[in-house]
Amino acid sequence: MFEKYLDLLPYKLRTNLSRLRLCLLKLAIETGRYSRNRTDRNQRVCRLCNHGDIEDEYHFVLICAAFEHIRKIYLKQYYYARPSVFKFTELMQNDCKKEIII
């Protein structure tokens, strides 16, 4: 299905968001699953911050301290101030240009 954000975002952001949604980023949740020495899911933690959370798309976009400065530039505070899976899903399904690009 064609997503509206593909028409709204500049090329670089569109490409990166598409890679995120297709699980093509090298996040621990994916690399640990398909590596030769498969890592248990609970051990696929983020190596960029000290939260000890599993490095998945939710953590990458809304939680990880290593990307805090980027988050503040591209996302509304609503999404990352008190992050939740509900807000993450809402963000990923959003097709309003004002919401996607600040």
PDB file of N, CA and C in Angstrom:
ATOM      1  N   MET A   1       0.840  -1.178   0.000  1.00  0.00           N
ATOM      2  CA  MET A   1       0.000   0.000   0.000  1.00  0.00           C
ATOM      3  C   MET A   1       0.890   1.248   0.000  1.00  0.00           C
ATOM      4  N   PHE A   2       0.549   2.228  -0.797  1.00  0.00           N
ATOM      5  CA  PHE A   2       1.300   3.473  -0.893  1.00  0.00           C
ATOM      6  C   PHE A   2       0.966   4.355   0.303  1.00  0.00           C
ATOM      7  N   GLU A   3       1.979   4.747   1.050  1.00  0.00           N
ATOM      8  CA  GLU A   3       1.786   5.599   2.222  1.00  0.00           C
ATOM      9  C   GLU A   3       1.921   7.067   1.835  1.00  0.00           C
ATOM     10  N   LYS A   4       1.074   7.917   2.404  1.00  0.00           N
ATOM     11  CA  LYS A   4       1.062   9.340   2.054  1.00  0.00           C
ATOM     12  C   LYS A   4       2.360  10.057   2.411  1.00  0.00           C
ATOM     13  N   TYR A   5       3.053   9.580   3.452  1.00  0.00           N
ATOM     14  CA  TYR A   5       4.288  10.258   3.851  1.00  0.00           C
ATOM     15  C   TYR A   5       5.328  10.225   2.736  1.00  0.00           C
ATOM     16  N   LEU A   6       5.201   9.288   1.819  1.00  0.00           N
ATOM     17  CA  LEU A   6       6.159   9.214   0.713  1.00  0.00           C
ATOM     18  C   LEU A   6       6.092  10.454  -0.175  1.00  0.00           C
ATOM     19  N   ASP A   7       4.936  11.074  -0.254  1.00  0.00           N
ATOM     20  CA  ASP A   7       4.791  12.307  -1.026  1.00  0.00           C
ATOM     21  C   ASP A   7       5.112  13.551  -0.210  1.00  0.00           C
ATOM     22  N   LEU A   8       5.060  13.455   1.106  1.00  0.00           N
ATOM     23  CA  LEU A   8       5.212  14.626   1.971  1.00  0.00           C
ATOM     24  C   LEU A   8       6.655  14.930   2.348  1.00  0.00           C
ATOM     25  N   LEU A   9       7.452  13.916   2.494  1.00  0.00           N
ATOM     26  CA  LEU A   9       8.805  14.088   3.024  1.00  0.00           C
ATOM     27  C   LEU A   9       9.835  14.342   1.931  1.00  0.00           C
ATOM     28  N   PRO A  10      10.879  15.092   2.258  1.00  0.00           N
ATOM     29  CA  PRO A  10      12.012  15.223   1.340  1.00  0.00           C
ATOM     30  C   PRO A  10      12.655  13.858   1.131  1.00  0.00           C
ATOM     31  N   TYR A  11      13.378  13.699   0.051  1.00  0.00           N
ATOM     32  CA  TYR A  11      13.936  12.407  -0.347  1.00  0.00           C
ATOM     33  C   TYR A  11      14.722  11.716   0.768  1.00  0.00           C
ATOM     34  N   LYS A  12      15.647  12.425   1.401  1.00  0.00           N
ATOM     35  CA  LYS A  12      16.502  11.801   2.414  1.00  0.00           C
ATOM     36  C   LYS A  12      15.679  11.298   3.606  1.00  0.00           C
ATOM     37  N   LEU A  13      14.749  12.113   4.088  1.00  0.00           N
ATOM     38  CA  LEU A  13      13.907  11.687   5.210  1.00  0.00           C
ATOM     39  C   LEU A  13      12.989  10.543   4.796  1.00  0.00           C
ATOM     40  N   ARG A  14      12.459  10.614   3.590  1.00  0.00           N
ATOM     41  CA  ARG A  14      11.572   9.565   3.075  1.00  0.00           C
ATOM     42  C   ARG A  14      12.313   8.228   3.005  1.00  0.00           C
ATOM     43  N   THR A  15      13.541   8.269   2.523  1.00  0.00           N
ATOM     44  CA  THR A  15      14.341   7.050   2.417  1.00  0.00           C
ATOM     45  C   THR A  15      14.618   6.463   3.797  1.00  0.00           C
ATOM     46  N   ASN A  16      15.031   7.301   4.723  1.00  0.00           N
ATOM     47  CA  ASN A  16      15.343   6.805   6.072  1.00  0.00           C
ATOM     48  C   ASN A  16      14.109   6.282   6.797  1.00  0.00           C
ATOM     49  N   LEU A  17      12.987   6.971   6.652  1.00  0.00           N
ATOM     50  CA  LEU A  17      11.759   6.502   7.291  1.00  0.00           C
ATOM     51  C   LEU A  17      11.297   5.189   6.672  1.00  0.00           C
ATOM     52  N   SER A  18      11.440   5.059   5.386  1.00  0.00           N
ATOM     53  CA  SER A  18      11.082   3.803   4.711  1.00  0.00           C
ATOM     54  C   SER A  18      11.964   2.666   5.211  1.00  0.00           C
ATOM     55  N   ARG A  19      13.250   2.915   5.356  1.00  0.00           N
ATOM     56  CA  ARG A  19      14.160   1.885   5.868  1.00  0.00           C
ATOM     57  C   ARG A  19      13.785   1.476   7.292  1.00  0.00           C
ATOM     58  N   LEU A  20      13.395   2.457   8.102  1.00  0.00           N
ATOM     59  CA  LEU A  20      12.968   2.170   9.472  1.00  0.00           C
ATOM     60  C   LEU A  20      11.732   1.275   9.465  1.00  0.00           C
ATOM     61  N   ARG A  21      10.757   1.623   8.653  1.00  0.00           N
ATOM     62  CA  ARG A  21       9.504   0.869   8.627  1.00  0.00           C
ATOM     63  C   ARG A  21       9.655  -0.515   8.013  1.00  0.00           C
ATOM     64  N   LEU A  22      10.667  -0.695   7.170  1.00  0.00           N
ATOM     65  CA  LEU A  22      10.906  -2.000   6.551  1.00  0.00           C
ATOM     66  C   LEU A  22      11.910  -2.846   7.344  1.00  0.00           C
ATOM     67  N   CYS A  23      12.320  -2.355   8.517  1.00  0.00           N
ATOM     68  CA  CYS A  23      13.289  -3.048   9.383  1.00  0.00           C
ATOM     69  C   CYS A  23      14.621  -3.259   8.672  1.00  0.00           C
ATOM     70  N   LEU A  24      15.055  -2.278   7.913  1.00  0.00           N
ATOM     71  CA  LEU A  24      16.317  -2.371   7.189  1.00  0.00           C
ATOM     72  C   LEU A  24      17.464  -1.664   7.902  1.00  0.00           C
ATOM     73  N   LEU A  25      17.194  -1.047   9.041  1.00  0.00           N
ATOM     74  CA  LEU A  25      18.257  -0.429   9.825  1.00  0.00           C
ATOM     75  C   LEU A  25      18.968  -1.531  10.609  1.00  0.00           C
ATOM     76  N   LYS A  26      20.219  -1.324  10.901  1.00  0.00           N
ATOM     77  CA  LYS A  26      20.986  -2.360  11.606  1.00  0.00           C
ATOM     78  C   LYS A  26      20.807  -2.225  13.116  1.00  0.00           C
ATOM     79  N   LEU A  27      19.578  -2.387  13.550  1.00  0.00           N
ATOM     80  CA  LEU A  27      19.269  -2.342  14.977  1.00  0.00           C
ATOM     81  C   LEU A  27      19.515  -3.730  15.566  1.00  0.00           C
ATOM     82  N   ALA A  28      19.873  -3.750  16.834  1.00  0.00           N
ATOM     83  CA  ALA A  28      20.207  -5.013  17.503  1.00  0.00           C
ATOM     84  C   ALA A  28      19.068  -6.025  17.450  1.00  0.00           C
ATOM     85  N   ILE A  29      17.837  -5.556  17.453  1.00  0.00           N
ATOM     86  CA  ILE A  29      16.697  -6.466  17.412  1.00  0.00           C
ATOM     87  C   ILE A  29      16.716  -7.309  16.137  1.00  0.00           C
ATOM     88  N   GLU A  30      17.218  -6.740  15.043  1.00  0.00           N
ATOM     89  CA  GLU A  30      17.294  -7.462  13.770  1.00  0.00           C
ATOM     90  C   GLU A  30      18.626  -8.197  13.603  1.00  0.00           C
ATOM     91  N   THR A  31      19.729  -7.517  13.887  1.00  0.00           N
ATOM     92  CA  THR A  31      21.042  -8.147  13.681  1.00  0.00           C
ATOM     93  C   THR A  31      21.231  -9.348  14.592  1.00  0.00           C
ATOM     94  N   GLY A  32      20.702  -9.290  15.808  1.00  0.00           N
ATOM     95  CA  GLY A  32      20.805 -10.420  16.731  1.00  0.00           C
ATOM     96  C   GLY A  32      19.960 -11.606  16.306  1.00  0.00           C
ATOM     97  N   ARG A  33      18.916 -11.336  15.575  1.00  0.00           N
ATOM     98  CA  ARG A  33      18.016 -12.396  15.111  1.00  0.00           C
ATOM     99  C   ARG A  33      18.642 -13.199  13.975  1.00  0.00           C
ATOM    100  N   TYR A  34      19.345 -12.503  13.089  1.00  0.00           N
ATOM    101  CA  TYR A  34      19.835 -13.159  11.887  1.00  0.00           C
ATOM    102  C   TYR A  34      21.340 -13.418  11.872  1.00  0.00           C
ATOM    103  N   SER A  35      22.037 -13.091  12.936  1.00  0.00           N
ATOM    104  CA  SER A  35      23.483 -13.307  12.958  1.00  0.00           C
ATOM    105  C   SER A  35      23.807 -14.789  13.099  1.00  0.00           C
ATOM    106  N   ARG A  36      25.023 -15.123  12.783  1.00  0.00           N
ATOM    107  CA  ARG A  36      25.471 -16.514  12.873  1.00  0.00           C
ATOM    108  C   ARG A  36      25.310 -17.036  14.302  1.00  0.00           C
ATOM    109  N   ASN A  37      25.725 -16.241  15.279  1.00  0.00           N
ATOM    110  CA  ASN A  37      25.553 -16.589  16.695  1.00  0.00           C
ATOM    111  C   ASN A  37      24.320 -15.848  17.211  1.00  0.00           C
ATOM    112  N   ARG A  38      23.172 -16.411  16.995  1.00  0.00           N
ATOM    113  CA  ARG A  38      21.907 -15.772  17.349  1.00  0.00           C
ATOM    114  C   ARG A  38      21.896 -15.357  18.819  1.00  0.00           C
ATOM    115  N   THR A  39      21.489 -14.109  19.056  1.00  0.00           N
ATOM    116  CA  THR A  39      21.431 -13.545  20.396  1.00  0.00           C
ATOM    117  C   THR A  39      20.004 -13.621  20.916  1.00  0.00           C
ATOM    118  N   ASP A  40      19.839 -13.988  22.185  1.00  0.00           N
ATOM    119  CA  ASP A  40      18.504 -13.989  22.782  1.00  0.00           C
ATOM    120  C   ASP A  40      17.918 -12.584  22.723  1.00  0.00           C
ATOM    121  N   ARG A  41      16.614 -12.502  22.552  1.00  0.00           N
ATOM    122  CA  ARG A  41      15.949 -11.212  22.381  1.00  0.00           C
ATOM    123  C   ARG A  41      16.247 -10.257  23.540  1.00  0.00           C
ATOM    124  N   ASN A  42      16.228 -10.743  24.759  1.00  0.00           N
ATOM    125  CA  ASN A  42      16.443  -9.874  25.924  1.00  0.00           C
ATOM    126  C   ASN A  42      17.882  -9.367  26.030  1.00  0.00           C
ATOM    127  N   GLN A  43      18.797  -9.890  25.204  1.00  0.00           N
ATOM    128  CA  GLN A  43      20.189  -9.431  25.221  1.00  0.00           C
ATOM    129  C   GLN A  43      20.514  -8.503  24.045  1.00  0.00           C
ATOM    130  N   ARG A  44      19.543  -8.201  23.224  1.00  0.00           N
ATOM    131  CA  ARG A  44      19.761  -7.321  22.072  1.00  0.00           C
ATOM    132  C   ARG A  44      19.552  -5.866  22.483  1.00  0.00           C
ATOM    133  N   VAL A  45      20.317  -5.429  23.455  1.00  0.00           N
ATOM    134  CA  VAL A  45      20.145  -4.091  24.024  1.00  0.00           C
ATOM    135  C   VAL A  45      20.920  -3.042  23.231  1.00  0.00           C
ATOM    136  N   CYS A  46      20.492  -1.815  23.390  1.00  0.00           N
ATOM    137  CA  CYS A  46      21.134  -0.681  22.721  1.00  0.00           C
ATOM    138  C   CYS A  46      22.509  -0.446  23.335  1.00  0.00           C
ATOM    139  N   ARG A  47      23.505  -0.316  22.480  1.00  0.00           N
ATOM    140  CA  ARG A  47      24.878  -0.069  22.933  1.00  0.00           C
ATOM    141  C   ARG A  47      25.226   1.415  22.912  1.00  0.00           C
ATOM    142  N   LEU A  48      24.268   2.257  22.524  1.00  0.00           N
ATOM    143  CA  LEU A  48      24.533   3.689  22.426  1.00  0.00           C
ATOM    144  C   LEU A  48      24.098   4.467  23.667  1.00  0.00           C
ATOM    145  N   CYS A  49      23.242   3.886  24.477  1.00  0.00           N
ATOM    146  CA  CYS A  49      22.788   4.586  25.689  1.00  0.00           C
ATOM    147  C   CYS A  49      22.824   3.618  26.870  1.00  0.00           C
ATOM    148  N   ASN A  50      22.571   4.117  28.044  1.00  0.00           N
ATOM    149  CA  ASN A  50      22.655   3.308  29.270  1.00  0.00           C
ATOM    150  C   ASN A  50      21.291   2.870  29.793  1.00  0.00           C
ATOM    151  N   HIS A  51      20.271   2.901  28.965  1.00  0.00           N
ATOM    152  CA  HIS A  51      18.931   2.523  29.430  1.00  0.00           C
ATOM    153  C   HIS A  51      18.771   1.028  29.623  1.00  0.00           C
ATOM    154  N   GLY A  52      19.543   0.239  28.895  1.00  0.00           N
ATOM    155  CA  GLY A  52      19.423  -1.212  28.980  1.00  0.00           C
ATOM    156  C   GLY A  52      18.204  -1.743  28.251  1.00  0.00           C
ATOM    157  N   ASP A  53      17.593  -0.910  27.401  1.00  0.00           N
ATOM    158  CA  ASP A  53      16.413  -1.323  26.636  1.00  0.00           C
ATOM    159  C   ASP A  53      16.817  -2.096  25.394  1.00  0.00           C
ATOM    160  N   ILE A  54      15.908  -2.925  24.923  1.00  0.00           N
ATOM    161  CA  ILE A  54      16.110  -3.623  23.662  1.00  0.00           C
ATOM    162  C   ILE A  54      16.140  -2.580  22.550  1.00  0.00           C
ATOM    163  N   GLU A  55      17.128  -2.706  21.666  1.00  0.00           N
ATOM    164  CA  GLU A  55      17.272  -1.735  20.584  1.00  0.00           C
ATOM    165  C   GLU A  55      16.351  -2.133  19.433  1.00  0.00           C
ATOM    166  N   ASP A  56      15.136  -1.594  19.472  1.00  0.00           N
ATOM    167  CA  ASP A  56      14.172  -1.803  18.400  1.00  0.00           C
ATOM    168  C   ASP A  56      13.762  -0.440  17.845  1.00  0.00           C
ATOM    169  N   GLU A  57      12.824  -0.429  16.927  1.00  0.00           N
ATOM    170  CA  GLU A  57      12.414   0.813  16.282  1.00  0.00           C
ATOM    171  C   GLU A  57      11.850   1.818  17.284  1.00  0.00           C
ATOM    172  N   TYR A  58      11.050   1.348  18.223  1.00  0.00           N
ATOM    173  CA  TYR A  58      10.470   2.214  19.251  1.00  0.00           C
ATOM    174  C   TYR A  58      11.571   2.894  20.061  1.00  0.00           C
ATOM    175  N   HIS A  59      12.527   2.125  20.530  1.00  0.00           N
ATOM    176  CA  HIS A  59      13.641   2.672  21.309  1.00  0.00           C
ATOM    177  C   HIS A  59      14.452   3.661  20.467  1.00  0.00           C
ATOM    178  N   PHE A  60      14.743   3.291  19.249  1.00  0.00           N
ATOM    179  CA  PHE A  60      15.541   4.111  18.339  1.00  0.00           C
ATOM    180  C   PHE A  60      14.893   5.471  18.111  1.00  0.00           C
ATOM    181  N   VAL A  61      13.605   5.508  17.882  1.00  0.00           N
ATOM    182  CA  VAL A  61      12.913   6.756  17.540  1.00  0.00           C
ATOM    183  C   VAL A  61      12.570   7.600  18.771  1.00  0.00           C
ATOM    184  N   LEU A  62      12.093   6.997  19.841  1.00  0.00           N
ATOM    185  CA  LEU A  62      11.549   7.790  20.954  1.00  0.00           C
ATOM    186  C   LEU A  62      12.338   7.768  22.258  1.00  0.00           C
ATOM    187  N   ILE A  63      13.233   6.837  22.459  1.00  0.00           N
ATOM    188  CA  ILE A  63      13.866   6.688  23.764  1.00  0.00           C
ATOM    189  C   ILE A  63      15.360   6.994  23.784  1.00  0.00           C
ATOM    190  N   CYS A  64      16.121   6.443  22.868  1.00  0.00           N
ATOM    191  CA  CYS A  64      17.578   6.448  22.918  1.00  0.00           C
ATOM    192  C   CYS A  64      18.161   7.856  23.102  1.00  0.00           C
ATOM    193  N   ALA A  65      18.963   7.993  24.144  1.00  0.00           N
ATOM    194  CA  ALA A  65      19.576   9.285  24.470  1.00  0.00           C
ATOM    195  C   ALA A  65      20.565   9.739  23.398  1.00  0.00           C
ATOM    196  N   ALA A  66      21.131   8.817  22.662  1.00  0.00           N
ATOM    197  CA  ALA A  66      22.103   9.163  21.617  1.00  0.00           C
ATOM    198  C   ALA A  66      21.472   9.971  20.485  1.00  0.00           C
ATOM    199  N   PHE A  67      20.160   9.876  20.326  1.00  0.00           N
ATOM    200  CA  PHE A  67      19.472  10.573  19.239  1.00  0.00           C
ATOM    201  C   PHE A  67      18.551  11.678  19.737  1.00  0.00           C
ATOM    202  N   GLU A  68      18.750  12.109  20.969  1.00  0.00           N
ATOM    203  CA  GLU A  68      17.887  13.128  21.567  1.00  0.00           C
ATOM    204  C   GLU A  68      17.888  14.432  20.776  1.00  0.00           C
ATOM    205  N   HIS A  69      19.066  14.879  20.342  1.00  0.00           N
ATOM    206  CA  HIS A  69      19.148  16.141  19.595  1.00  0.00           C
ATOM    207  C   HIS A  69      18.422  16.046  18.249  1.00  0.00           C
ATOM    208  N   ILE A  70      18.487  14.922  17.587  1.00  0.00           N
ATOM    209  CA  ILE A  70      17.780  14.737  16.308  1.00  0.00           C
ATOM    210  C   ILE A  70      16.278  14.679  16.540  1.00  0.00           C
ATOM    211  N   ARG A  71      15.878  13.992  17.600  1.00  0.00           N
ATOM    212  CA  ARG A  71      14.463  13.872  17.958  1.00  0.00           C
ATOM    213  C   ARG A  71      13.850  15.253  18.175  1.00  0.00           C
ATOM    214  N   LYS A  72      14.574  16.132  18.847  1.00  0.00           N
ATOM    215  CA  LYS A  72      14.054  17.475  19.132  1.00  0.00           C
ATOM    216  C   LYS A  72      13.894  18.308  17.856  1.00  0.00           C
ATOM    217  N   ILE A  73      14.691  18.033  16.856  1.00  0.00           N
ATOM    218  CA  ILE A  73      14.604  18.764  15.595  1.00  0.00           C
ATOM    219  C   ILE A  73      13.409  18.291  14.770  1.00  0.00           C
ATOM    220  N   TYR A  74      13.216  16.972  14.681  1.00  0.00           N
ATOM    221  CA  TYR A  74      12.255  16.421  13.730  1.00  0.00           C
ATOM    222  C   TYR A  74      10.906  15.987  14.297  1.00  0.00           C
ATOM    223  N   LEU A  75      10.798  15.829  15.612  1.00  0.00           N
ATOM    224  CA  LEU A  75       9.535  15.368  16.189  1.00  0.00           C
ATOM    225  C   LEU A  75       8.939  16.394  17.130  1.00  0.00           C
ATOM    226  N   LYS A  76       7.635  16.377  17.223  1.00  0.00           N
ATOM    227  CA  LYS A  76       6.965  17.211  18.210  1.00  0.00           C
ATOM    228  C   LYS A  76       7.212  16.617  19.594  1.00  0.00           C
ATOM    229  N   GLN A  77       7.286  17.483  20.574  1.00  0.00           N
ATOM    230  CA  GLN A  77       7.560  17.063  21.947  1.00  0.00           C
ATOM    231  C   GLN A  77       6.512  16.070  22.455  1.00  0.00           C
ATOM    232  N   TYR A  78       5.316  16.187  21.958  1.00  0.00           N
ATOM    233  CA  TYR A  78       4.234  15.271  22.342  1.00  0.00           C
ATOM    234  C   TYR A  78       4.674  13.814  22.250  1.00  0.00           C
ATOM    235  N   TYR A  79       5.411  13.470  21.218  1.00  0.00           N
ATOM    236  CA  TYR A  79       5.781  12.076  20.980  1.00  0.00           C
ATOM    237  C   TYR A  79       6.881  11.571  21.921  1.00  0.00           C
ATOM    238  N   TYR A  80       7.844  12.413  22.236  1.00  0.00           N
ATOM    239  CA  TYR A  80       8.985  11.917  23.020  1.00  0.00           C
ATOM    240  C   TYR A  80       9.008  12.355  24.480  1.00  0.00           C
ATOM    241  N   ALA A  81       8.159  13.301  24.886  1.00  0.00           N
ATOM    242  CA  ALA A  81       8.175  13.768  26.276  1.00  0.00           C
ATOM    243  C   ALA A  81       7.765  12.645  27.240  1.00  0.00           C
ATOM    244  N   ARG A  82       6.715  11.963  26.942  1.00  0.00           N
ATOM    245  CA  ARG A  82       6.276  10.786  27.704  1.00  0.00           C
ATOM    246  C   ARG A  82       5.959   9.708  26.685  1.00  0.00           C
ATOM    247  N   PRO A  83       6.998   9.069  26.143  1.00  0.00           N
ATOM    248  CA  PRO A  83       6.796   8.131  25.034  1.00  0.00           C
ATOM    249  C   PRO A  83       5.974   6.904  25.424  1.00  0.00           C
ATOM    250  N   SER A  84       5.242   6.415  24.451  1.00  0.00           N
ATOM    251  CA  SER A  84       4.471   5.182  24.623  1.00  0.00           C
ATOM    252  C   SER A  84       4.371   4.493  23.269  1.00  0.00           C
ATOM    253  N   VAL A  85       4.047   3.230  23.307  1.00  0.00           N
ATOM    254  CA  VAL A  85       3.874   2.484  22.063  1.00  0.00           C
ATOM    255  C   VAL A  85       2.698   3.063  21.283  1.00  0.00           C
ATOM    256  N   PHE A  86       1.672   3.528  21.985  1.00  0.00           N
ATOM    257  CA  PHE A  86       0.524   4.163  21.334  1.00  0.00           C
ATOM    258  C   PHE A  86       0.978   5.393  20.536  1.00  0.00           C
ATOM    259  N   LYS A  87       1.790   6.252  21.148  1.00  0.00           N
ATOM    260  CA  LYS A  87       2.282   7.447  20.451  1.00  0.00           C
ATOM    261  C   LYS A  87       3.184   7.076  19.284  1.00  0.00           C
ATOM    262  N   PHE A  88       3.992   6.040  19.448  1.00  0.00           N
ATOM    263  CA  PHE A  88       4.864   5.589  18.366  1.00  0.00           C
ATOM    264  C   PHE A  88       4.028   5.112  17.176  1.00  0.00           C
ATOM    265  N   THR A  89       3.011   4.334  17.455  1.00  0.00           N
ATOM    266  CA  THR A  89       2.118   3.858  16.394  1.00  0.00           C
ATOM    267  C   THR A  89       1.410   5.029  15.730  1.00  0.00           C
ATOM    268  N   GLU A  90       0.956   5.965  16.520  1.00  0.00           N
ATOM    269  CA  GLU A  90       0.302   7.165  15.992  1.00  0.00           C
ATOM    270  C   GLU A  90       1.245   7.935  15.075  1.00  0.00           C
ATOM    271  N   LEU A  91       2.490   8.086  15.482  1.00  0.00           N
ATOM    272  CA  LEU A  91       3.486   8.783  14.673  1.00  0.00           C
ATOM    273  C   LEU A  91       3.743   8.050  13.362  1.00  0.00           C
ATOM    274  N   MET A  92       3.886   6.746  13.415  1.00  0.00           N
ATOM    275  CA  MET A  92       4.185   5.959  12.213  1.00  0.00           C
ATOM    276  C   MET A  92       3.014   5.914  11.234  1.00  0.00           C
ATOM    277  N   GLN A  93       1.806   6.128  11.715  1.00  0.00           N
ATOM    278  CA  GLN A  93       0.633   6.094  10.838  1.00  0.00           C
ATOM    279  C   GLN A  93       0.183   7.485  10.406  1.00  0.00           C
ATOM    280  N   ASN A  94       0.876   8.490  10.874  1.00  0.00           N
ATOM    281  CA  ASN A  94       0.458   9.868  10.606  1.00  0.00           C
ATOM    282  C   ASN A  94       0.694  10.246   9.150  1.00  0.00           C
ATOM    283  N   ASP A  95      -0.261  10.952   8.560  1.00  0.00           N
ATOM    284  CA  ASP A  95      -0.101  11.414   7.180  1.00  0.00           C
ATOM    285  C   ASP A  95      -0.286  12.931   7.062  1.00  0.00           C
ATOM    286  N   CYS A  96      -0.198  13.629   8.188  1.00  0.00           N
ATOM    287  CA  CYS A  96      -0.329  15.079   8.205  1.00  0.00           C
ATOM    288  C   CYS A  96       1.079  15.710   8.134  1.00  0.00           C
ATOM    289  N   LYS A  97       1.315  16.511   7.127  1.00  0.00           N
ATOM    290  CA  LYS A  97       2.643  17.088   6.919  1.00  0.00           C
ATOM    291  C   LYS A  97       3.105  17.908   8.133  1.00  0.00           C
ATOM    292  N   LYS A  98       2.209  18.638   8.765  1.00  0.00           N
ATOM    293  CA  LYS A  98       2.575  19.448   9.937  1.00  0.00           C
ATOM    294  C   LYS A  98       3.019  18.579  11.109  1.00  0.00           C
ATOM    295  N   GLU A  99       2.484  17.386  11.198  1.00  0.00           N
ATOM    296  CA  GLU A  99       2.851  16.483  12.278  1.00  0.00           C
ATOM    297  C   GLU A  99       4.166  15.778  11.986  1.00  0.00           C
ATOM    298  N   ILE A 100       4.413  15.468  10.731  1.00  0.00           N
ATOM    299  CA  ILE A 100       5.582  14.711  10.355  1.00  0.00           C
ATOM    300  C   ILE A 100       6.825  15.586  10.333  1.00  0.00           C
ATOM    301  N   ILE A 101       6.710  16.772   9.772  1.00  0.00           N
ATOM    302  CA  ILE A 101       7.849  17.681   9.669  1.00  0.00           C
ATOM    303  C   ILE A 101       7.539  18.942  10.463  1.00  0.00           C
ATOM    304  N   ILE A 102       8.385  19.249  11.430  1.00  0.00           N
ATOM    305  CA  ILE A 102       8.182  20.461  12.227  1.00  0.00           C
ATOM    306  C   ILE A 102       8.724  21.640  11.452  1.00  0.00           C
TER     307      ILE A 102
END
